[in-house]
PDB file of N, CA and C in Angstrom:
ATOM      1  N   MET A   1       0.819  -1.191   0.000  1.00  0.00           N
ATOM      2  CA  MET A   1       0.000   0.000   0.000  1.00  0.00           C
ATOM      3  C   MET A   1       0.859   1.248   0.000  1.00  0.00           C
ATOM      4  N   ALA A   2       2.045   1.153   0.568  1.00  0.00           N
ATOM      5  CA  ALA A   2       2.923   2.313   0.594  1.00  0.00           C
ATOM      6  C   ALA A   2       3.328   2.716  -0.815  1.00  0.00           C
ATOM      7  N   GLY A   3       3.407   1.769  -1.734  1.00  0.00           N
ATOM      8  CA  GLY A   3       3.765   2.078  -3.108  1.00  0.00           C
ATOM      9  C   GLY A   3       2.726   2.954  -3.780  1.00  0.00           C
ATOM     10  N   ILE A   4       1.472   2.702  -3.487  1.00  0.00           N
ATOM     11  CA  ILE A   4       0.398   3.509  -4.063  1.00  0.00           C
ATOM     12  C   ILE A   4       0.455   4.923  -3.509  1.00  0.00           C
ATOM     13  N   LEU A   5       0.658   5.049  -2.207  1.00  0.00           N
ATOM     14  CA  LEU A   5       0.727   6.374  -1.591  1.00  0.00           C
ATOM     15  C   LEU A   5       1.934   7.158  -2.089  1.00  0.00           C
ATOM     16  N   ASP A   6       3.058   6.485  -2.262  1.00  0.00           N
ATOM     17  CA  ASP A   6       4.244   7.157  -2.797  1.00  0.00           C
ATOM     18  C   ASP A   6       4.011   7.646  -4.211  1.00  0.00           C
ATOM     19  N   THR A   7       3.296   6.864  -4.995  1.00  0.00           N
ATOM     20  CA  THR A   7       2.985   7.261  -6.370  1.00  0.00           C
ATOM     21  C   THR A   7       2.071   8.488  -6.388  1.00  0.00           C
ATOM     22  N   ILE A   8       1.102   8.521  -5.505  1.00  0.00           N
ATOM     23  CA  ILE A   8       0.198   9.669  -5.429  1.00  0.00           C
ATOM     24  C   ILE A   8       0.949  10.919  -4.982  1.00  0.00           C
ATOM     25  N   LYS A   9       1.868  10.776  -4.016  1.00  0.00           N
ATOM     26  CA  LYS A   9       2.665  11.916  -3.568  1.00  0.00           C
ATOM     27  C   LYS A   9       3.549  12.436  -4.701  1.00  0.00           C
ATOM     28  N   LEU A  10       4.147  11.530  -5.444  1.00  0.00           N
ATOM     29  CA  LEU A  10       4.984  11.936  -6.568  1.00  0.00           C
ATOM     30  C   LEU A  10       4.162  12.646  -7.633  1.00  0.00           C
ATOM     31  N   ALA A  11       2.970  12.147  -7.912  1.00  0.00           N
ATOM     32  CA  ALA A  11       2.101  12.795  -8.894  1.00  0.00           C
ATOM     33  C   ALA A  11       1.722  14.203  -8.442  1.00  0.00           C
ATOM     34  N   GLY A  12       1.470  14.369  -7.155  1.00  0.00           N
ATOM     35  CA  GLY A  12       1.162  15.690  -6.618  1.00  0.00           C
ATOM     36  C   GLY A  12       2.325  16.655  -6.777  1.00  0.00           C
ATOM     37  N   SER A  13       3.521  16.177  -6.553  1.00  0.00           N
ATOM     38  CA  SER A  13       4.706  17.023  -6.743  1.00  0.00           C
ATOM     39  C   SER A  13       4.908  17.360  -8.210  1.00  0.00           C
ATOM     40  N   LEU A  14       4.668  16.391  -9.070  1.00  0.00           N
ATOM     41  CA  LEU A  14       4.842  16.637 -10.505  1.00  0.00           C
ATOM     42  C   LEU A  14       3.820  17.627 -11.055  1.00  0.00           C
ATOM     43  N   VAL A  15       2.626  17.656 -10.449  1.00  0.00           N
ATOM     44  CA  VAL A  15       1.615  18.625 -10.867  1.00  0.00           C
ATOM     45  C   VAL A  15       2.152  20.043 -10.699  1.00  0.00           C
ATOM     46  N   LEU A  16       2.948  20.263  -9.674  1.00  0.00           N
ATOM     47  CA  LEU A  16       3.532  21.587  -9.444  1.00  0.00           C
ATOM     48  C   LEU A  16       4.853  21.777 -10.180  1.00  0.00           C
ATOM     49  N   ALA A  17       5.629  20.707 -10.299  1.00  0.00           N
ATOM     50  CA  ALA A  17       6.976  20.835 -10.863  1.00  0.00           C
ATOM     51  C   ALA A  17       6.975  20.955 -12.387  1.00  0.00           C
ATOM     52  N   ILE A  18       6.097  20.258 -13.065  1.00  0.00           N
ATOM     53  CA  ILE A  18       6.099  20.270 -14.539  1.00  0.00           C
ATOM     54  C   ILE A  18       5.798  21.656 -15.111  1.00  0.00           C
ATOM     55  N   PRO A  19       4.776  22.364 -14.627  1.00  0.00           N
ATOM     56  CA  PRO A  19       4.564  23.713 -15.168  1.00  0.00           C
ATOM     57  C   PRO A  19       5.741  24.657 -14.907  1.00  0.00           C
ATOM     58  N   ALA A  20       6.368  24.532 -13.742  1.00  0.00           N
ATOM     59  CA  ALA A  20       7.538  25.372 -13.450  1.00  0.00           C
ATOM     60  C   ALA A  20       8.681  25.034 -14.395  1.00  0.00           C
ATOM     61  N   ALA A  21       8.894  23.752 -14.656  1.00  0.00           N
ATOM     62  CA  ALA A  21       9.968  23.342 -15.565  1.00  0.00           C
ATOM     63  C   ALA A  21       9.684  23.806 -16.997  1.00  0.00           C
ATOM     64  N   LEU A  22       8.433  23.700 -17.423  1.00  0.00           N
ATOM     65  CA  LEU A  22       8.082  24.153 -18.777  1.00  0.00           C
ATOM     66  C   LEU A  22       8.242  25.663 -18.908  1.00  0.00           C
ATOM     67  N   ALA A  23       7.847  26.407 -17.881  1.00  0.00           N
ATOM     68  CA  ALA A  23       8.050  27.852 -17.903  1.00  0.00           C
ATOM     69  C   ALA A  23       9.537  28.181 -17.919  1.00  0.00           C
ATOM     70  N   GLY A  24      10.321  27.401 -17.162  1.00  0.00           N
ATOM     71  CA  GLY A  24      11.767  27.601 -17.160  1.00  0.00           C
ATOM     72  C   GLY A  24      12.373  27.345 -18.525  1.00  0.00           C
ATOM     73  N   LEU A  25      11.904  26.298 -19.185  1.00  0.00           N
ATOM     74  CA  LEU A  25      12.397  26.017 -20.539  1.00  0.00           C
ATOM     75  C   LEU A  25      12.025  27.127 -21.515  1.00  0.00           C
ATOM     76  N   GLU A  26      10.823  27.663 -21.356  1.00  0.00           N
ATOM     77  CA  GLU A  26      10.420  28.768 -22.240  1.00  0.00           C
ATOM     78  C   GLU A  26      11.301  29.986 -22.010  1.00  0.00           C
ATOM     79  N   PHE A  27      11.535  30.332 -20.755  1.00  0.00           N
ATOM     80  CA  PHE A  27      12.407  31.469 -20.464  1.00  0.00           C
ATOM     81  C   PHE A  27      13.819  31.216 -20.987  1.00  0.00           C
ATOM     82  N   LEU A  28      14.286  29.997 -20.829  1.00  0.00           N
ATOM     83  CA  LEU A  28      15.655  29.658 -21.206  1.00  0.00           C
ATOM     84  C   LEU A  28      15.842  29.617 -22.712  1.00  0.00           C
ATOM     85  N   LEU A  29      14.953  28.953 -23.408  1.00  0.00           N
ATOM     86  CA  LEU A  29      15.142  28.720 -24.838  1.00  0.00           C
ATOM     87  C   LEU A  29      14.473  29.758 -25.743  1.00  0.00           C
ATOM     88  N   VAL A  30      13.278  30.209 -25.382  1.00  0.00           N
ATOM     89  CA  VAL A  30      12.530  31.099 -26.275  1.00  0.00           C
ATOM     90  C   VAL A  30      12.856  32.562 -25.996  1.00  0.00           C
ATOM     91  N   ARG A  31      12.773  32.946 -24.737  1.00  0.00           N
ATOM     92  CA  ARG A  31      12.946  34.354 -24.396  1.00  0.00           C
ATOM     93  C   ARG A  31      14.403  34.755 -24.186  1.00  0.00           C
ATOM     94  N   GLY A  32      15.258  33.798 -23.979  1.00  0.00           N
ATOM     95  CA  GLY A  32      16.673  34.103 -23.791  1.00  0.00           C
ATOM     96  C   GLY A  32      17.032  34.589 -22.401  1.00  0.00           C
ATOM     97  N   GLU A  33      16.151  34.450 -21.446  1.00  0.00           N
ATOM     98  CA  GLU A  33      16.429  34.845 -20.063  1.00  0.00           C
ATOM     99  C   GLU A  33      16.958  33.618 -19.316  1.00  0.00           C
ATOM    100  N   THR A  34      18.257  33.437 -19.371  1.00  0.00           N
ATOM    101  CA  THR A  34      18.863  32.212 -18.839  1.00  0.00           C
ATOM    102  C   THR A  34      18.772  32.115 -17.326  1.00  0.00           C
ATOM    103  N   LEU A  35      18.930  33.217 -16.639  1.00  0.00           N
ATOM    104  CA  LEU A  35      18.899  33.165 -15.171  1.00  0.00           C
ATOM    105  C   LEU A  35      17.512  32.747 -14.673  1.00  0.00           C
ATOM    106  N   THR A  36      16.469  33.372 -15.175  1.00  0.00           N
ATOM    107  CA  THR A  36      15.106  33.040 -14.760  1.00  0.00           C
ATOM    108  C   THR A  36      14.764  31.598 -15.138  1.00  0.00           C
ATOM    109  N   GLY A  37      15.132  31.185 -16.336  1.00  0.00           N
ATOM    110  CA  GLY A  37      14.869  29.816 -16.770  1.00  0.00           C
ATOM    111  C   GLY A  37      15.588  28.790 -15.918  1.00  0.00           C
ATOM    112  N   ALA A  38      16.852  29.066 -15.624  1.00  0.00           N
ATOM    113  CA  ALA A  38      17.625  28.130 -14.806  1.00  0.00           C
ATOM    114  C   ALA A  38      17.065  28.040 -13.387  1.00  0.00           C
ATOM    115  N   ILE A  39      16.640  29.165 -12.849  1.00  0.00           N
ATOM    116  CA  ILE A  39      16.065  29.153 -11.496  1.00  0.00           C
ATOM    117  C   ILE A  39      14.778  28.335 -11.467  1.00  0.00           C
ATOM    118  N   LEU A  40      13.907  28.526 -12.445  1.00  0.00           N
ATOM    119  CA  LEU A  40      12.647  27.772 -12.474  1.00  0.00           C
ATOM    120  C   LEU A  40      12.884  26.272 -12.657  1.00  0.00           C
ATOM    121  N   ILE A  41      13.810  25.907 -13.513  1.00  0.00           N
ATOM    122  CA  ILE A  41      14.120  24.489 -13.705  1.00  0.00           C
ATOM    123  C   ILE A  41      14.730  23.904 -12.428  1.00  0.00           C
ATOM    124  N   GLY A  42      15.613  24.653 -11.793  1.00  0.00           N
ATOM    125  CA  GLY A  42      16.207  24.201 -10.528  1.00  0.00           C
ATOM    126  C   GLY A  42      15.170  24.018  -9.435  1.00  0.00           C
ATOM    127  N   LEU A  43      14.211  24.932  -9.362  1.00  0.00           N
ATOM    128  CA  LEU A  43      13.143  24.803  -8.368  1.00  0.00           C
ATOM    129  C   LEU A  43      12.264  23.582  -8.649  1.00  0.00           C
ATOM    130  N   ALA A  44      11.995  23.316  -9.901  1.00  0.00           N
ATOM    131  CA  ALA A  44      11.185  22.145 -10.251  1.00  0.00           C
ATOM    132  C   ALA A  44      11.902  20.852  -9.853  1.00  0.00           C
ATOM    133  N   VAL A  45      13.179  20.787 -10.148  1.00  0.00           N
ATOM    134  CA  VAL A  45      13.958  19.599  -9.779  1.00  0.00           C
ATOM    135  C   VAL A  45      14.038  19.469  -8.262  1.00  0.00           C
ATOM    136  N   ALA A  46      14.261  20.581  -7.574  1.00  0.00           N
ATOM    137  CA  ALA A  46      14.355  20.557  -6.113  1.00  0.00           C
ATOM    138  C   ALA A  46      13.039  20.107  -5.478  1.00  0.00           C
ATOM    139  N   LEU A  47      11.927  20.486  -6.066  1.00  0.00           N
ATOM    140  CA  LEU A  47      10.632  20.085  -5.540  1.00  0.00           C
ATOM    141  C   LEU A  47      10.455  18.573  -5.590  1.00  0.00           C
ATOM    142  N   VAL A  48      10.808  17.971  -6.694  1.00  0.00           N
ATOM    143  CA  VAL A  48      10.664  16.516  -6.833  1.00  0.00           C
ATOM    144  C   VAL A  48      11.658  15.784  -5.933  1.00  0.00           C
ATOM    145  N   VAL A  49      12.888  16.266  -5.874  1.00  0.00           N
ATOM    146  CA  VAL A  49      13.901  15.625  -5.032  1.00  0.00           C
ATOM    147  C   VAL A  49      13.519  15.741  -3.559  1.00  0.00           C
ATOM    148  N   ALA A  50      13.041  16.907  -3.153  1.00  0.00           N
ATOM    149  CA  ALA A  50      12.643  17.097  -1.757  1.00  0.00           C
ATOM    150  C   ALA A  50      11.488  16.176  -1.389  1.00  0.00           C
ATOM    151  N   GLN A  51      10.554  15.999  -2.308  1.00  0.00           N
ATOM    152  CA  GLN A  51       9.430  15.112  -2.022  1.00  0.00           C
ATOM    153  C   GLN A  51       9.901  13.680  -1.837  1.00  0.00           C
ATOM    154  N   LYS A  52      10.889  13.248  -2.594  1.00  0.00           N
ATOM    155  CA  LYS A  52      11.396  11.882  -2.472  1.00  0.00           C
ATOM    156  C   LYS A  52      12.272  11.707  -1.234  1.00  0.00           C
ATOM    157  N   ARG A  53      13.007  12.742  -0.852  1.00  0.00           N
ATOM    158  CA  ARG A  53      13.965  12.625   0.252  1.00  0.00           C
ATOM    159  C   ARG A  53      13.365  12.865   1.631  1.00  0.00           C
ATOM    160  N   LEU A  54      12.497  13.852   1.736  1.00  0.00           N
ATOM    161  CA  LEU A  54      11.960  14.213   3.037  1.00  0.00           C
ATOM    162  C   LEU A  54      10.899  13.218   3.465  1.00  0.00           C
ATOM    163  N   SER A  55      10.837  12.989   4.755  1.00  0.00           N
ATOM    164  CA  SER A  55       9.822  12.077   5.269  1.00  0.00           C
ATOM    165  C   SER A  55       8.857  12.849   6.156  1.00  0.00           C
ATOM    166  N   THR A  56       7.643  12.402   6.165  1.00  0.00           N
ATOM    167  CA  THR A  56       6.623  13.036   6.990  1.00  0.00           C
ATOM    168  C   THR A  56       6.597  12.372   8.366  1.00  0.00           C
ATOM    169  N   PRO A  57       5.942  12.982   9.342  1.00  0.00           N
ATOM    170  CA  PRO A  57       5.870  12.349  10.669  1.00  0.00           C
ATOM    171  C   PRO A  57       5.247  10.959  10.641  1.00  0.00           C
ATOM    172  N   THR A  58       4.305  10.719   9.740  1.00  0.00           N
ATOM    173  CA  THR A  58       3.719   9.377   9.681  1.00  0.00           C
ATOM    174  C   THR A  58       4.735   8.363   9.162  1.00  0.00           C
ATOM    175  N   ASP A  59       5.628   8.796   8.275  1.00  0.00           N
ATOM    176  CA  ASP A  59       6.682   7.904   7.811  1.00  0.00           C
ATOM    177  C   ASP A  59       7.630   7.558   8.950  1.00  0.00           C
ATOM    178  N   LEU A  60       7.943   8.527   9.790  1.00  0.00           N
ATOM    179  CA  LEU A  60       8.838   8.270  10.916  1.00  0.00           C
ATOM    180  C   LEU A  60       8.221   7.277  11.892  1.00  0.00           C
ATOM    181  N   LYS A  61       6.920   7.397  12.127  1.00  0.00           N
ATOM    182  CA  LYS A  61       6.252   6.455  13.022  1.00  0.00           C
ATOM    183  C   LYS A  61       6.347   5.025  12.485  1.00  0.00           C
ATOM    184  N   SER A  62       6.140   4.864  11.189  1.00  0.00           N
ATOM    185  CA  SER A  62       6.197   3.515  10.622  1.00  0.00           C
ATOM    186  C   SER A  62       7.612   2.964  10.638  1.00  0.00           C
ATOM    187  N   ILE A  63       8.615   3.820  10.426  1.00  0.00           N
ATOM    188  CA  ILE A  63      10.006   3.372  10.473  1.00  0.00           C
ATOM    189  C   ILE A  63      10.355   2.886  11.870  1.00  0.00           C
ATOM    190  N   VAL A  64       9.989   3.671  12.889  1.00  0.00           N
ATOM    191  CA  VAL A  64      10.282   3.282  14.271  1.00  0.00           C
ATOM    192  C   VAL A  64       9.539   2.007  14.633  1.00  0.00           C
ATOM    193  N   THR A  65       8.285   1.911  14.235  1.00  0.00           N
ATOM    194  CA  THR A  65       7.495   0.713  14.531  1.00  0.00           C
ATOM    195  C   THR A  65       8.103  -0.522  13.885  1.00  0.00           C
ATOM    196  N   ASN A  66       8.541  -0.409  12.644  1.00  0.00           N
ATOM    197  CA  ASN A  66       9.157  -1.555  11.969  1.00  0.00           C
ATOM    198  C   ASN A  66      10.456  -1.960  12.639  1.00  0.00           C
ATOM    199  N   ARG A  67      11.240  -1.000  13.097  1.00  0.00           N
ATOM    200  CA  ARG A  67      12.496  -1.344  13.779  1.00  0.00           C
ATOM    201  C   ARG A  67      12.225  -2.045  15.099  1.00  0.00           C
ATOM    202  N   ILE A  68      11.254  -1.530  15.866  1.00  0.00           N
ATOM    203  CA  ILE A  68      10.930  -2.150  17.154  1.00  0.00           C
ATOM    204  C   ILE A  68      10.374  -3.545  16.939  1.00  0.00           C
ATOM    205  N   THR A  69       9.463  -3.677  15.993  1.00  0.00           N
ATOM    206  CA  THR A  69       8.875  -4.974  15.701  1.00  0.00           C
ATOM    207  C   THR A  69       9.940  -5.961  15.232  1.00  0.00           C
ATOM    208  N   GLY A  70      10.842  -5.499  14.390  1.00  0.00           N
ATOM    209  CA  GLY A  70      11.923  -6.359  13.911  1.00  0.00           C
ATOM    210  C   GLY A  70      12.838  -6.806  15.039  1.00  0.00           C
ATOM    211  N   ALA A  71      13.130  -5.902  15.965  1.00  0.00           N
ATOM    212  CA  ALA A  71      14.002  -6.248  17.095  1.00  0.00           C
ATOM    213  C   ALA A  71      13.318  -7.243  18.013  1.00  0.00           C
ATOM    214  N   VAL A  72      12.049  -7.046  18.301  1.00  0.00           N
ATOM    215  CA  VAL A  72      11.307  -7.954  19.175  1.00  0.00           C
ATOM    216  C   VAL A  72      11.149  -9.312  18.515  1.00  0.00           C
ATOM    217  N   THR A  73      10.838  -9.328  17.237  1.00  0.00           N
ATOM    218  CA  THR A  73      10.670 -10.592  16.523  1.00  0.00           C
ATOM    219  C   THR A  73      11.979 -11.358  16.473  1.00  0.00           C
ATOM    220  N   THR A  74      13.072 -10.676  16.228  1.00  0.00           N
ATOM    221  CA  THR A  74      14.374 -11.328  16.163  1.00  0.00           C
ATOM    222  C   THR A  74      14.752 -11.919  17.516  1.00  0.00           C
ATOM    223  N   ASP A  75      14.517 -11.179  18.610  1.00  0.00           N
ATOM    224  CA  ASP A  75      14.858 -11.669  19.946  1.00  0.00           C
ATOM    225  C   ASP A  75      14.013 -12.873  20.331  1.00  0.00           C
ATOM    226  N   SER A  76      12.715 -12.804  20.087  1.00  0.00           N
ATOM    227  CA  SER A  76      11.851 -13.912  20.482  1.00  0.00           C
ATOM    228  C   SER A  76      12.126 -15.147  19.628  1.00  0.00           C
ATOM    229  N   THR A  77      12.490 -14.947  18.383  1.00  0.00           N
ATOM    230  CA  THR A  77      12.809 -16.082  17.522  1.00  0.00           C
ATOM    231  C   THR A  77      14.072 -16.779  17.996  1.00  0.00           C
ATOM    232  N   SER A  78      15.082 -16.020  18.365  1.00  0.00           N
ATOM    233  CA  SER A  78      16.328 -16.642  18.818  1.00  0.00           C
ATOM    234  C   SER A  78      16.139 -17.314  20.170  1.00  0.00           C
ATOM    235  N   GLU A  79      15.284 -16.751  21.038  1.00  0.00           N
ATOM    236  CA  GLU A  79      15.005 -17.394  22.321  1.00  0.00           C
ATOM    237  C   GLU A  79      14.268 -18.715  22.118  1.00  0.00           C
ATOM    238  N   ALA A  80      13.335 -18.733  21.188  1.00  0.00           N
ATOM    239  CA  ALA A  80      12.594 -19.965  20.916  1.00  0.00           C
ATOM    240  C   ALA A  80      13.530 -21.029  20.357  1.00  0.00           C
ATOM    241  N   ASP A  81      14.473 -20.642  19.521  1.00  0.00           N
ATOM    242  CA  ASP A  81      15.439 -21.591  18.982  1.00  0.00           C
ATOM    243  C   ASP A  81      16.335 -22.137  20.088  1.00  0.00           C
ATOM    244  N   ASP A  82      16.724 -21.269  21.032  1.00  0.00           N
ATOM    245  CA  ASP A  82      17.561 -21.712  22.141  1.00  0.00           C
ATOM    246  C   ASP A  82      16.828 -22.725  23.021  1.00  0.00           C
ATOM    247  N   GLU A  83      15.528 -22.495  23.265  1.00  0.00           N
ATOM    248  CA  GLU A  83      14.740 -23.408  24.070  1.00  0.00           C
ATOM    249  C   GLU A  83      14.587 -24.752  23.379  1.00  0.00           C
ATOM    250  N   ASP A  84      14.404 -24.730  22.064  1.00  0.00           N
ATOM    251  CA  ASP A  84      14.260 -25.979  21.314  1.00  0.00           C
ATOM    252  C   ASP A  84      15.543 -26.799  21.378  1.00  0.00           C
ATOM    253  N   HIS A  85      16.678 -26.142  21.269  1.00  0.00           N
ATOM    254  CA  HIS A  85      17.950 -26.853  21.305  1.00  0.00           C
ATOM    255  C   HIS A  85      18.270 -27.384  22.703  1.00  0.00           C
ATOM    256  N   SER A  86      17.880 -26.664  23.748  1.00  0.00           N
ATOM    257  CA  SER A  86      18.197 -27.115  25.103  1.00  0.00           C
ATOM    258  C   SER A  86      17.283 -28.249  25.548  1.00  0.00           C
ATOM    259  N   SER A  87      16.087 -28.368  24.978  1.00  0.00           N
ATOM    260  CA  SER A  87      15.165 -29.430  25.373  1.00  0.00           C
ATOM    261  C   SER A  87      15.510 -30.750  24.725  1.00  0.00           C
ATOM    262  N   ARG A  88      16.377 -30.750  23.723  1.00  0.00           N
ATOM    263  CA  ARG A  88      16.738 -31.999  23.035  1.00  0.00           C
ATOM    264  C   ARG A  88      17.703 -32.786  23.795  1.00  0.00           C
TER     265      ARG A  88
END
């Protein structure tokens, strides 16, 4: 399910980034204003990269939960294996 949510978040970022990038290309190639075009293209790229890199508080909760669950599962599994070996 996280894959679907990530795709929706990326689409939301692209809705904002694509028009900025197209405007940047127009300024850069058609109008000859290189500074404005480069800034708009850079902002569009930064928007998409920031969306992929930054995590929201709900992402942090799931990361912590997965780490705790993984640690507890690993410990209980190794304890169960130790009990099985000692009972033989």
